[in-house]
Amino acid sequence: MEPAWDDPPPSREVVEAWLDRVRPALVADGGNIELISIERDGTLRVAMQGTCTDCPAQLATLRVGIEEPLKKAIRGIRAIIAVASDSTEPS
């Protein structure tokens, strides 16, 4: 379902609960994902951690393995942006 422009962003608890479902696969490969923030427009800022930070498949994992299913599962999410874990700037 495509989110409407007036959909409020989801709560942190809802997003974290969904991310907890994909974390085991990331952790099994030595990585993880941290939710940094949820912007008012529904953009999530996340930090890839561990081996995910320099993995050649990071973008594919983020887009296909996380962003697409997350947008389908939770209304109000527009995009996911990877940032450095100690920053809010895109990496």
Protein backbone atom coordinates (compact mmCIF):
# COMPACT_ATOMS: atom_id res chain seq x y z
CA MET A 1 0.00 0.00 0.00
CA GLU A 2 1.39 3.37 -1.03
CA PRO A 3 1.43 5.89 1.86
CA ALA A 4 -0.70 8.99 1.53
CA TRP A 5 0.97 12.37 1.87
CA ASP A 6 -0.98 13.00 5.04
CA ASP A 7 0.08 9.77 6.76
CA PRO A 8 1.88 10.58 9.99
CA PRO A 9 5.28 8.96 10.46
CA PRO A 10 5.21 5.71 12.43
CA SER A 11 6.31 5.55 16.04
CA ARG A 12 9.84 4.54 16.95
CA GLU A 13 8.50 1.46 18.75
CA VAL A 14 6.72 0.20 15.63
CA VAL A 15 9.80 0.67 13.43
CA GLU A 16 12.14 -0.90 16.01
CA ALA A 17 9.83 -3.92 16.32
CA TRP A 18 9.94 -4.41 12.55
CA LEU A 19 13.73 -3.96 12.43
CA ASP A 20 14.03 -6.60 15.16
CA ARG A 21 12.68 -9.08 12.61
CA VAL A 22 15.56 -8.45 10.15
CA ARG A 23 18.34 -7.93 12.68
CA PRO A 24 19.13 -11.65 13.14
CA ALA A 25 20.13 -11.94 9.47
CA LEU A 26 22.37 -8.88 9.73
CA VAL A 27 23.91 -10.05 13.01
CA ALA A 28 24.57 -13.50 11.53
CA ASP A 29 26.80 -11.78 8.94
CA GLY A 30 28.54 -9.62 11.57
CA GLY A 31 26.46 -6.48 11.07
CA ASN A 32 23.46 -4.66 12.46
CA ILE A 33 21.24 -1.63 11.88
CA GLU A 34 20.52 1.26 14.26
CA LEU A 35 17.50 3.52 13.93
CA ILE A 36 18.82 7.06 14.33
CA SER A 37 15.67 9.09 13.71
CA ILE A 38 12.25 9.25 12.12
CA GLU A 39 11.71 12.55 10.34
CA ARG A 40 8.34 14.30 10.15
CA ASP A 41 8.05 13.46 6.45
CA GLY A 42 8.42 9.73 7.13
CA THR A 43 12.10 9.46 6.22
CA LEU A 44 14.06 7.09 8.43
CA ARG A 45 17.71 7.71 9.17
CA VAL A 46 19.59 4.53 9.98
CA ALA A 47 23.20 3.60 10.63
CA MET A 48 24.55 0.33 9.32
CA GLN A 49 26.93 -1.25 11.81
CA GLY A 50 29.68 -3.87 11.96
CA THR A 51 30.50 -5.57 8.67
CA CYS A 52 27.51 -3.82 7.08
CA THR A 53 29.35 -0.48 7.16
CA ASP A 54 31.72 -1.39 4.34
CA CYS A 55 29.92 -4.32 2.72
CA PRO A 56 29.64 -4.08 -1.08
CA ALA A 57 26.01 -5.24 -0.79
CA GLN A 58 25.06 -2.54 1.72
CA LEU A 59 22.94 -0.54 -0.70
CA ALA A 60 21.12 -3.63 -1.97
CA THR A 61 20.48 -4.80 1.60
CA LEU A 62 19.20 -1.39 2.59
CA ARG A 63 16.93 -0.90 -0.44
CA VAL A 64 15.69 -4.42 -1.23
CA GLY A 65 16.00 -6.17 2.12
CA ILE A 66 14.90 -3.36 4.42
CA GLU A 67 13.36 -0.30 2.74
CA GLU A 68 10.95 -1.99 0.30
CA PRO A 69 9.43 -4.47 2.77
CA LEU A 70 9.36 -1.86 5.55
CA LYS A 71 7.44 0.59 3.34
CA LYS A 72 4.94 -2.17 2.53
CA ALA A 73 4.56 -3.22 6.16
CA ILE A 74 4.34 0.17 7.87
CA ARG A 75 2.29 3.06 6.61
CA GLY A 76 3.88 6.52 6.61
CA ILE A 77 7.45 5.59 5.66
CA ARG A 78 8.73 7.47 2.62
CA ALA A 79 12.43 6.57 2.45
CA ILE A 80 15.41 5.24 4.37
CA ILE A 81 18.71 7.10 4.40
CA ALA A 82 21.94 5.57 5.70
CA VAL A 83 23.98 7.90 7.89
CA ALA A 84 27.17 7.55 9.89
CA SER A 85 26.39 6.18 13.35
CA ASP A 86 27.80 9.27 15.09
CA SER A 87 26.22 11.74 12.69
CA THR A 88 22.97 12.70 11.02
CA GLU A 89 24.63 13.40 7.66
CA PRO A 90 24.13 10.93 4.77
CA SER A 91 27.02 8.56 4.23
